[in-house]
């Protein structure tokens, strides 16, 4: 993986979140992927389980936007950074994200860890 590959993956991630298209979500992850929503929780394991979890907890269309870019790339490992912005109840909530990513040989994500903080 190089910087452009990771940037494209992050763009596809944002698009999958925007559309909630099961095929788009599925295309992001390897069959044996692990997704950690929080560092202290057990991961969601397997592409099918990740798609199911993602679709079960949808954000309302038009209430969020995202912008992510590669920060570091080292072979199959990468760090993506950016913001997730939610427009809810007349206000704005901005979260700063760091994604710890590990990819397989085909460019599918094998391990996804989302670490985030809400901007005060």
N, C-alpha and C. Protein backbone atom coordinates (compact mmCIF):
# COMPACT_ATOMS: atom_id res chain seq x y z
N UNK A 1 0.85 -1.18 0.00
CA UNK A 1 0.00 0.00 0.00
C UNK A 1 0.90 1.24 0.00
N UNK A 2 0.51 2.21 -0.80
CA UNK A 2 1.19 3.49 -0.77
C UNK A 2 0.17 4.57 -0.36
N UNK A 3 0.65 5.80 -0.28
CA UNK A 3 -0.20 6.90 0.19
C UNK A 3 -1.47 7.05 -0.66
N UNK A 4 -1.34 6.93 -1.98
CA UNK A 4 -2.51 7.06 -2.86
C UNK A 4 -3.51 5.93 -2.62
N UNK A 5 -3.02 4.71 -2.42
CA UNK A 5 -3.92 3.58 -2.14
C UNK A 5 -4.72 3.83 -0.87
N UNK A 6 -4.04 4.32 0.16
CA UNK A 6 -4.71 4.57 1.44
C UNK A 6 -5.70 5.73 1.29
N UNK A 7 -5.32 6.77 0.56
CA UNK A 7 -6.23 7.90 0.33
C UNK A 7 -7.49 7.42 -0.39
N UNK A 8 -7.33 6.56 -1.39
CA UNK A 8 -8.49 6.03 -2.10
C UNK A 8 -9.35 5.17 -1.18
N UNK A 9 -8.72 4.37 -0.33
CA UNK A 9 -9.48 3.54 0.61
C UNK A 9 -10.29 4.43 1.55
N UNK A 10 -9.66 5.49 2.07
CA UNK A 10 -10.37 6.40 2.97
C UNK A 10 -11.53 7.10 2.27
N UNK A 11 -11.36 7.46 1.00
CA UNK A 11 -12.46 8.06 0.23
C UNK A 11 -13.60 7.05 0.07
N UNK A 12 -13.27 5.80 -0.21
CA UNK A 12 -14.29 4.75 -0.34
C UNK A 12 -14.99 4.51 1.00
N UNK A 13 -14.25 4.61 2.09
CA UNK A 13 -14.83 4.48 3.44
C UNK A 13 -15.87 5.58 3.66
N UNK A 14 -15.52 6.81 3.34
CA UNK A 14 -16.46 7.93 3.51
C UNK A 14 -17.70 7.73 2.64
N UNK A 15 -17.50 7.29 1.41
CA UNK A 15 -18.63 7.07 0.50
C UNK A 15 -19.52 5.93 1.00
N UNK A 16 -18.93 4.87 1.52
CA UNK A 16 -19.71 3.76 2.07
C UNK A 16 -20.53 4.23 3.26
N UNK A 17 -19.95 5.08 4.09
CA UNK A 17 -20.68 5.63 5.24
C UNK A 17 -21.82 6.51 4.76
N UNK A 18 -21.55 7.32 3.73
CA UNK A 18 -22.58 8.23 3.23
C UNK A 18 -23.77 7.47 2.64
N UNK A 19 -23.50 6.39 1.92
CA UNK A 19 -24.54 5.67 1.19
C UNK A 19 -25.12 4.47 1.93
N UNK A 20 -24.37 3.92 2.87
CA UNK A 20 -24.76 2.67 3.55
C UNK A 20 -25.04 1.55 2.53
N UNK A 21 -24.29 1.55 1.44
CA UNK A 21 -24.40 0.50 0.43
C UNK A 21 -23.66 -0.74 0.95
N UNK A 22 -24.36 -1.85 1.17
CA UNK A 22 -23.72 -3.05 1.72
C UNK A 22 -22.52 -3.52 0.88
N UNK A 23 -22.62 -3.44 -0.45
CA UNK A 23 -21.50 -3.87 -1.29
C UNK A 23 -20.30 -2.94 -1.13
N UNK A 24 -20.55 -1.66 -0.97
CA UNK A 24 -19.45 -0.71 -0.77
C UNK A 24 -18.78 -0.97 0.58
N UNK A 25 -19.56 -1.24 1.60
CA UNK A 25 -18.99 -1.55 2.91
C UNK A 25 -18.19 -2.85 2.82
N UNK A 26 -18.78 -3.85 2.24
CA UNK A 26 -18.15 -5.17 2.10
C UNK A 26 -16.80 -5.06 1.38
N UNK A 27 -16.74 -4.21 0.36
CA UNK A 27 -15.52 -4.10 -0.45
C UNK A 27 -14.34 -3.51 0.32
N UNK A 28 -14.60 -2.88 1.44
CA UNK A 28 -13.54 -2.26 2.22
C UNK A 28 -12.72 -3.26 3.03
N UNK A 29 -13.34 -4.37 3.42
CA UNK A 29 -12.76 -5.25 4.43
C UNK A 29 -12.46 -6.64 3.90
N UNK A 30 -11.44 -7.26 4.48
CA UNK A 30 -11.12 -8.65 4.15
C UNK A 30 -12.13 -9.57 4.85
N UNK A 31 -12.18 -10.79 4.41
CA UNK A 31 -13.12 -11.77 4.98
C UNK A 31 -12.91 -11.94 6.48
N UNK A 32 -11.66 -11.89 6.92
CA UNK A 32 -11.33 -12.12 8.34
C UNK A 32 -11.06 -10.83 9.11
N UNK A 33 -11.55 -9.71 8.61
CA UNK A 33 -11.25 -8.40 9.21
C UNK A 33 -11.72 -8.30 10.66
N UNK A 34 -11.01 -7.44 11.39
CA UNK A 34 -11.40 -7.08 12.75
C UNK A 34 -11.62 -5.57 12.79
N UNK A 35 -12.76 -5.16 13.34
CA UNK A 35 -13.07 -3.74 13.47
C UNK A 35 -13.25 -3.43 14.95
N UNK A 36 -12.43 -2.51 15.43
CA UNK A 36 -12.48 -2.08 16.82
C UNK A 36 -13.15 -0.71 16.86
N UNK A 37 -14.41 -0.66 17.35
CA UNK A 37 -15.08 0.63 17.50
C UNK A 37 -14.45 1.46 18.62
N UNK A 38 -14.00 0.76 19.66
CA UNK A 38 -13.34 1.39 20.80
C UNK A 38 -12.16 0.51 21.21
N UNK A 39 -11.05 1.10 21.59
CA UNK A 39 -9.87 0.30 21.92
C UNK A 39 -10.08 -0.69 23.07
N UNK A 40 -11.02 -0.43 23.95
CA UNK A 40 -11.22 -1.28 25.12
C UNK A 40 -12.25 -2.39 24.89
N UNK A 41 -12.90 -2.41 23.74
CA UNK A 41 -13.92 -3.43 23.45
C UNK A 41 -13.36 -4.53 22.56
N UNK A 42 -14.00 -5.67 22.62
CA UNK A 42 -13.66 -6.76 21.70
C UNK A 42 -14.01 -6.32 20.28
N UNK A 43 -13.27 -6.78 19.29
CA UNK A 43 -13.55 -6.36 17.92
C UNK A 43 -14.78 -7.06 17.34
N UNK A 44 -15.33 -6.44 16.33
CA UNK A 44 -16.31 -7.11 15.48
C UNK A 44 -15.46 -7.89 14.48
N UNK A 45 -15.71 -9.19 14.36
CA UNK A 45 -14.83 -10.05 13.57
C UNK A 45 -15.56 -10.58 12.35
N UNK A 46 -14.95 -10.42 11.18
CA UNK A 46 -15.47 -10.94 9.93
C UNK A 46 -16.21 -9.88 9.14
N UNK A 47 -16.01 -9.93 7.83
CA UNK A 47 -16.62 -8.95 6.93
C UNK A 47 -18.14 -8.92 7.07
N UNK A 48 -18.78 -10.08 7.11
CA UNK A 48 -20.25 -10.12 7.20
C UNK A 48 -20.73 -9.45 8.49
N UNK A 49 -20.05 -9.71 9.60
CA UNK A 49 -20.44 -9.12 10.88
C UNK A 49 -20.22 -7.61 10.87
N UNK A 50 -19.16 -7.16 10.21
CA UNK A 50 -18.90 -5.72 10.12
C UNK A 50 -20.00 -5.04 9.32
N UNK A 51 -20.37 -5.61 8.19
CA UNK A 51 -21.44 -5.03 7.36
C UNK A 51 -22.74 -5.00 8.16
N UNK A 52 -23.07 -6.09 8.82
CA UNK A 52 -24.30 -6.16 9.62
C UNK A 52 -24.30 -5.09 10.71
N UNK A 53 -23.19 -4.94 11.42
CA UNK A 53 -23.10 -3.95 12.50
C UNK A 53 -23.23 -2.54 11.94
N UNK A 54 -22.55 -2.28 10.84
CA UNK A 54 -22.58 -0.95 10.22
C UNK A 54 -24.01 -0.59 9.82
N UNK A 55 -24.73 -1.51 9.20
CA UNK A 55 -26.08 -1.23 8.73
C UNK A 55 -27.09 -1.13 9.87
N UNK A 56 -26.80 -1.75 11.01
CA UNK A 56 -27.71 -1.74 12.15
C UNK A 56 -27.68 -0.42 12.91
N UNK A 57 -26.64 0.38 12.71
CA UNK A 57 -26.47 1.62 13.49
C UNK A 57 -26.21 2.78 12.53
N UNK A 58 -27.21 3.13 11.74
CA UNK A 58 -27.06 4.17 10.72
C UNK A 58 -27.24 5.56 11.29
N UNK A 59 -26.45 6.47 10.75
CA UNK A 59 -26.67 7.88 11.02
C UNK A 59 -27.67 8.39 10.00
N UNK A 60 -28.47 9.36 10.38
CA UNK A 60 -29.48 9.90 9.47
C UNK A 60 -28.81 10.60 8.29
N UNK A 61 -29.28 10.29 7.10
CA UNK A 61 -28.71 10.88 5.87
C UNK A 61 -28.70 12.40 5.95
N UNK A 62 -27.61 12.99 5.50
CA UNK A 62 -27.49 14.43 5.44
C UNK A 62 -27.11 15.09 6.75
N UNK A 63 -26.88 14.31 7.80
CA UNK A 63 -26.56 14.90 9.10
C UNK A 63 -25.09 14.80 9.45
N UNK A 64 -24.27 14.31 8.53
CA UNK A 64 -22.85 14.12 8.83
C UNK A 64 -22.02 14.27 7.56
N UNK A 65 -20.76 14.54 7.79
CA UNK A 65 -19.79 14.61 6.70
C UNK A 65 -18.43 14.21 7.27
N UNK A 66 -17.54 13.83 6.39
CA UNK A 66 -16.24 13.38 6.86
C UNK A 66 -15.15 13.82 5.90
N UNK A 67 -13.95 13.91 6.44
CA UNK A 67 -12.78 14.25 5.65
C UNK A 67 -11.59 13.55 6.30
N UNK A 68 -10.98 12.61 5.56
CA UNK A 68 -9.85 11.84 6.09
C UNK A 68 -8.72 11.82 5.08
N UNK A 69 -7.50 11.70 5.58
CA UNK A 69 -6.34 11.59 4.71
C UNK A 69 -5.29 10.72 5.38
N UNK A 70 -4.40 10.14 4.57
CA UNK A 70 -3.33 9.34 5.16
C UNK A 70 -2.37 10.25 5.93
N UNK A 71 -1.95 9.80 7.08
CA UNK A 71 -0.96 10.53 7.87
C UNK A 71 0.38 9.82 7.81
N UNK A 72 0.33 8.48 7.82
CA UNK A 72 1.55 7.67 7.72
C UNK A 72 1.20 6.36 7.04
N UNK A 73 2.11 5.87 6.21
CA UNK A 73 1.94 4.59 5.53
C UNK A 73 3.27 3.84 5.63
N UNK A 74 3.18 2.59 6.11
CA UNK A 74 4.37 1.75 6.23
C UNK A 74 4.01 0.35 5.78
N UNK A 75 4.21 0.07 4.51
CA UNK A 75 3.85 -1.24 3.97
C UNK A 75 2.35 -1.45 4.03
N UNK A 76 1.94 -2.46 4.78
CA UNK A 76 0.51 -2.78 4.90
C UNK A 76 -0.17 -2.03 6.04
N UNK A 77 0.58 -1.29 6.79
CA UNK A 77 0.00 -0.53 7.90
C UNK A 77 -0.08 0.94 7.55
N UNK A 78 -1.15 1.58 8.04
CA UNK A 78 -1.33 3.01 7.77
C UNK A 78 -2.10 3.66 8.91
N UNK A 79 -1.94 4.95 8.99
CA UNK A 79 -2.72 5.77 9.91
C UNK A 79 -3.44 6.81 9.06
N UNK A 80 -4.75 6.86 9.20
CA UNK A 80 -5.54 7.90 8.56
C UNK A 80 -6.03 8.86 9.62
N UNK A 81 -6.08 10.13 9.30
CA UNK A 81 -6.56 11.13 10.25
C UNK A 81 -7.59 12.02 9.56
N UNK A 82 -8.42 12.65 10.36
CA UNK A 82 -9.40 13.57 9.81
C UNK A 82 -10.50 13.85 10.79
N UNK A 83 -11.60 14.35 10.24
CA UNK A 83 -12.72 14.72 11.10
C UNK A 83 -14.03 14.11 10.60
N UNK A 84 -14.88 13.83 11.57
CA UNK A 84 -16.27 13.42 11.32
C UNK A 84 -17.13 14.50 11.96
N UNK A 85 -17.97 15.13 11.15
CA UNK A 85 -18.78 16.24 11.62
C UNK A 85 -20.25 15.85 11.55
N UNK A 86 -20.95 16.04 12.67
CA UNK A 86 -22.38 15.72 12.76
C UNK A 86 -23.17 17.00 12.97
N UNK A 87 -24.24 17.15 12.22
CA UNK A 87 -25.16 18.28 12.36
C UNK A 87 -26.43 17.73 12.99
N UNK A 88 -26.58 17.95 14.30
CA UNK A 88 -27.72 17.38 15.03
C UNK A 88 -28.33 18.42 15.96
N UNK A 89 -29.65 18.38 16.06
CA UNK A 89 -30.38 19.25 17.00
C UNK A 89 -29.96 20.71 16.89
N UNK A 90 -29.73 21.17 15.68
CA UNK A 90 -29.37 22.57 15.47
C UNK A 90 -27.93 22.90 15.81
N UNK A 91 -27.14 21.92 16.20
CA UNK A 91 -25.75 22.17 16.55
C UNK A 91 -24.80 21.34 15.71
N UNK A 92 -23.53 21.52 16.00
CA UNK A 92 -22.49 20.79 15.28
C UNK A 92 -21.59 20.10 16.30
N UNK A 93 -21.33 18.83 16.03
CA UNK A 93 -20.37 18.07 16.84
C UNK A 93 -19.26 17.59 15.91
N UNK A 94 -18.02 17.92 16.27
CA UNK A 94 -16.87 17.55 15.44
C UNK A 94 -16.01 16.57 16.22
N UNK A 95 -15.69 15.45 15.57
CA UNK A 95 -14.82 14.44 16.17
C UNK A 95 -13.54 14.37 15.34
N UNK A 96 -12.41 14.34 16.01
CA UNK A 96 -11.11 14.17 15.36
C UNK A 96 -10.75 12.69 15.45
N UNK A 97 -10.54 12.08 14.29
CA UNK A 97 -10.32 10.64 14.20
C UNK A 97 -8.88 10.30 13.86
N UNK A 98 -8.42 9.19 14.41
CA UNK A 98 -7.20 8.53 13.97
C UNK A 98 -7.58 7.08 13.71
N UNK A 99 -7.40 6.63 12.49
CA UNK A 99 -7.70 5.26 12.11
C UNK A 99 -6.39 4.49 12.02
N UNK A 100 -6.26 3.43 12.79
CA UNK A 100 -5.11 2.55 12.68
C UNK A 100 -5.53 1.40 11.78
N UNK A 101 -4.88 1.28 10.63
CA UNK A 101 -5.31 0.38 9.57
C UNK A 101 -4.23 -0.64 9.23
N UNK A 102 -4.66 -1.86 8.95
CA UNK A 102 -3.76 -2.87 8.41
C UNK A 102 -4.47 -3.53 7.23
N UNK A 103 -3.77 -3.66 6.11
CA UNK A 103 -4.36 -4.15 4.87
C UNK A 103 -3.79 -5.51 4.47
N UNK A 104 -4.57 -6.25 3.68
CA UNK A 104 -4.07 -7.51 3.12
C UNK A 104 -3.42 -7.23 1.76
N UNK A 105 -2.99 -8.29 1.09
CA UNK A 105 -2.31 -8.14 -0.21
C UNK A 105 -3.19 -7.53 -1.29
N UNK A 106 -4.51 -7.65 -1.16
CA UNK A 106 -5.43 -7.12 -2.17
C UNK A 106 -5.91 -5.70 -1.85
N UNK A 107 -5.43 -5.11 -0.77
CA UNK A 107 -5.82 -3.76 -0.40
C UNK A 107 -7.09 -3.67 0.41
N UNK A 108 -7.56 -4.83 0.91
CA UNK A 108 -8.72 -4.83 1.81
C UNK A 108 -8.21 -4.67 3.25
N UNK A 109 -8.97 -3.99 4.06
CA UNK A 109 -8.57 -3.73 5.44
C UNK A 109 -8.76 -4.99 6.29
N UNK A 110 -7.70 -5.42 6.97
CA UNK A 110 -7.74 -6.59 7.86
C UNK A 110 -8.00 -6.17 9.31
N UNK A 111 -7.55 -4.97 9.66
CA UNK A 111 -7.72 -4.48 11.02
C UNK A 111 -7.99 -2.98 10.96
N UNK A 112 -9.07 -2.57 11.62
CA UNK A 112 -9.50 -1.17 11.63
C UNK A 112 -9.75 -0.77 13.08
N UNK A 113 -9.01 0.20 13.55
CA UNK A 113 -9.18 0.73 14.91
C UNK A 113 -9.46 2.23 14.80
N UNK A 114 -10.60 2.64 15.32
CA UNK A 114 -11.00 4.04 15.28
C UNK A 114 -10.78 4.63 16.66
N UNK A 115 -9.91 5.62 16.73
CA UNK A 115 -9.66 6.33 17.99
C UNK A 115 -10.07 7.78 17.74
N UNK A 116 -10.94 8.30 18.57
CA UNK A 116 -11.47 9.63 18.29
C UNK A 116 -11.72 10.42 19.56
N UNK A 117 -11.70 11.73 19.41
CA UNK A 117 -12.02 12.66 20.49
C UNK A 117 -12.95 13.72 19.95
N UNK A 118 -13.93 14.09 20.77
CA UNK A 118 -14.84 15.16 20.36
C UNK A 118 -14.20 16.51 20.67
N UNK A 119 -14.30 17.41 19.70
CA UNK A 119 -13.78 18.76 19.86
C UNK A 119 -14.68 19.50 20.83
N UNK A 120 -14.09 20.14 21.85
CA UNK A 120 -14.92 20.90 22.82
C UNK A 120 -15.60 22.09 22.17
